[in-house]
Amino acid sequence: MALKRKDFLLIVGILFFLIGLMGVGLPPIYAIIISLAIYFGIRIFVGRRKKMIEESVGEGICVKCGSKIENQKCPICDRKKFGNV
């Protein structure tokens, strides 16, 4: 699994958050546990959101009207093209 730019930025952000928690006076073990919980929470949230978007988009989105493409055809544009309005 190669790290992408967004993964690197997330890790850096969580490390800064960890340093901030320890700077406030929280013991390091609690700061690490909170930071790990936030990191994995964000990863799970983003993964589920990405999966939900992929399911809702399906095969793609029509460029002309913005509707969901089904069976390699746009239901709105193809209906207009063939005069079945």
C-alpha atoms as a PDB file:
ATOM      1  CA  MET A   1       0.000   0.000   0.000  1.00  0.00           C
ATOM      2  CA  ALA A   2       1.671   3.171  -1.188  1.00  0.00           C
ATOM      3  CA  LEU A   3       1.083   6.383   0.692  1.00  0.00           C
ATOM      4  CA  LYS A   4      -0.718   9.024  -1.309  1.00  0.00           C
ATOM      5  CA  ARG A   5      -0.459  12.731  -0.658  1.00  0.00           C
ATOM      6  CA  LYS A   6      -3.743  12.823   1.258  1.00  0.00           C
ATOM      7  CA  ASP A   7      -2.601   9.968   3.517  1.00  0.00           C
ATOM      8  CA  PHE A   8       0.653  11.791   4.225  1.00  0.00           C
ATOM      9  CA  LEU A   9      -1.229  14.995   5.063  1.00  0.00           C
ATOM     10  CA  LEU A  10      -3.573  13.096   7.384  1.00  0.00           C
ATOM     11  CA  ILE A  11      -0.644  11.532   9.244  1.00  0.00           C
ATOM     12  CA  VAL A  12       1.127  14.892   9.586  1.00  0.00           C
ATOM     13  CA  GLY A  13      -2.064  16.521  10.825  1.00  0.00           C
ATOM     14  CA  ILE A  14      -2.622  13.780  13.408  1.00  0.00           C
ATOM     15  CA  LEU A  15       1.002  14.100  14.573  1.00  0.00           C
ATOM     16  CA  PHE A  16       0.534  17.844  15.090  1.00  0.00           C
ATOM     17  CA  PHE A  17      -2.682  17.102  16.986  1.00  0.00           C
ATOM     18  CA  LEU A  18      -0.761  14.574  19.115  1.00  0.00           C
ATOM     19  CA  ILE A  19       1.907  17.157  19.925  1.00  0.00           C
ATOM     20  CA  GLY A  20      -0.804  19.670  20.808  1.00  0.00           C
ATOM     21  CA  LEU A  21      -2.511  17.217  23.158  1.00  0.00           C
ATOM     22  CA  MET A  22       0.758  16.514  24.922  1.00  0.00           C
ATOM     23  CA  GLY A  23       1.500  20.257  25.079  1.00  0.00           C
ATOM     24  CA  VAL A  24      -1.757  20.862  26.928  1.00  0.00           C
ATOM     25  CA  GLY A  25      -0.616  18.448  29.626  1.00  0.00           C
ATOM     26  CA  LEU A  26      -2.286  15.188  28.621  1.00  0.00           C
ATOM     27  CA  PRO A  27      -0.134  12.121  29.374  1.00  0.00           C
ATOM     28  CA  PRO A  28       1.504  10.743  26.203  1.00  0.00           C
ATOM     29  CA  ILE A  29      -0.314   7.390  26.288  1.00  0.00           C
ATOM     30  CA  TYR A  30      -3.723   9.092  26.312  1.00  0.00           C
ATOM     31  CA  ALA A  31      -2.654  11.478  23.554  1.00  0.00           C
ATOM     32  CA  ILE A  32      -1.490   8.519  21.430  1.00  0.00           C
ATOM     33  CA  ILE A  33      -4.737   6.595  22.008  1.00  0.00           C
ATOM     34  CA  ILE A  34      -6.875   9.624  21.110  1.00  0.00           C
ATOM     35  CA  SER A  35      -4.773  10.348  18.014  1.00  0.00           C
ATOM     36  CA  LEU A  36      -4.979   6.748  16.801  1.00  0.00           C
ATOM     37  CA  ALA A  37      -8.742   6.701  17.363  1.00  0.00           C
ATOM     38  CA  ILE A  38      -9.121   9.889  15.325  1.00  0.00           C
ATOM     39  CA  TYR A  39      -6.846   8.567  12.549  1.00  0.00           C
ATOM     40  CA  PHE A  40      -8.700   5.271  12.147  1.00  0.00           C
ATOM     41  CA  GLY A  41     -12.057   7.012  12.542  1.00  0.00           C
ATOM     42  CA  ILE A  42     -11.249   9.333   9.646  1.00  0.00           C
ATOM     43  CA  ARG A  43      -9.968   6.437   7.522  1.00  0.00           C
ATOM     44  CA  ILE A  44     -13.124   4.399   8.129  1.00  0.00           C
ATOM     45  CA  PHE A  45     -15.400   7.403   7.489  1.00  0.00           C
ATOM     46  CA  VAL A  46     -13.645   8.285   4.221  1.00  0.00           C
ATOM     47  CA  GLY A  47     -13.643   4.653   3.054  1.00  0.00           C
ATOM     48  CA  ARG A  48     -17.366   4.242   3.666  1.00  0.00           C
ATOM     49  CA  ARG A  49     -18.135   7.590   2.046  1.00  0.00           C
ATOM     50  CA  LYS A  50     -16.068   6.687  -1.023  1.00  0.00           C
ATOM     51  CA  LYS A  51     -17.848   3.341  -1.323  1.00  0.00           C
ATOM     52  CA  MET A  52     -21.254   5.031  -1.006  1.00  0.00           C
ATOM     53  CA  ILE A  53     -20.385   7.543  -3.746  1.00  0.00           C
ATOM     54  CA  GLU A  54     -19.154   4.778  -6.065  1.00  0.00           C
ATOM     55  CA  GLU A  55     -22.410   2.877  -5.574  1.00  0.00           C
ATOM     56  CA  SER A  56     -24.559   5.950  -6.202  1.00  0.00           C
ATOM     57  CA  VAL A  57     -22.682   6.983  -9.349  1.00  0.00           C
ATOM     58  CA  GLY A  58     -22.693   3.503 -10.879  1.00  0.00           C
ATOM     59  CA  GLU A  59     -21.244   3.479 -14.384  1.00  0.00           C
ATOM     60  CA  GLY A  60     -20.837   7.245 -14.492  1.00  0.00           C
ATOM     61  CA  ILE A  61     -22.592  10.546 -14.900  1.00  0.00           C
ATOM     62  CA  CYS A  62     -23.860  12.015 -18.175  1.00  0.00           C
ATOM     63  CA  VAL A  63     -21.913  15.100 -19.234  1.00  0.00           C
ATOM     64  CA  LYS A  64     -24.898  16.849 -20.856  1.00  0.00           C
ATOM     65  CA  CYS A  65     -27.637  16.432 -18.260  1.00  0.00           C
ATOM     66  CA  GLY A  66     -25.883  15.072 -15.143  1.00  0.00           C
ATOM     67  CA  SER A  67     -28.039  11.982 -14.679  1.00  0.00           C
ATOM     68  CA  LYS A  68     -26.764   8.525 -13.754  1.00  0.00           C
ATOM     69  CA  ILE A  69     -25.755   6.325 -16.681  1.00  0.00           C
ATOM     70  CA  GLU A  70     -27.429   2.910 -16.724  1.00  0.00           C
ATOM     71  CA  ASN A  71     -26.645   0.098 -19.182  1.00  0.00           C
ATOM     72  CA  GLN A  72     -24.148   2.302 -21.063  1.00  0.00           C
ATOM     73  CA  LYS A  73     -26.933   4.824 -21.849  1.00  0.00           C
ATOM     74  CA  CYS A  74     -28.244   8.037 -20.363  1.00  0.00           C
ATOM     75  CA  PRO A  75     -31.966   7.606 -19.686  1.00  0.00           C
ATOM     76  CA  ILE A  76     -32.785  11.301 -20.282  1.00  0.00           C
ATOM     77  CA  CYS A  77     -30.589  12.112 -23.306  1.00  0.00           C
ATOM     78  CA  ASP A  78     -31.318   8.835 -25.127  1.00  0.00           C
ATOM     79  CA  ARG A  79     -35.049   9.318 -24.551  1.00  0.00           C
ATOM     80  CA  LYS A  80     -34.842  12.781 -26.141  1.00  0.00           C
ATOM     81  CA  LYS A  81     -32.679  11.499 -29.001  1.00  0.00           C
ATOM     82  CA  PHE A  82     -35.157   8.810 -30.016  1.00  0.00           C
ATOM     83  CA  GLY A  83     -38.247  10.973 -29.486  1.00  0.00           C
ATOM     84  CA  ASN A  84     -39.815   8.818 -26.752  1.00  0.00           C
ATOM     85  CA  VAL A  85     -40.678  11.819 -24.585  1.00  0.00           C
END
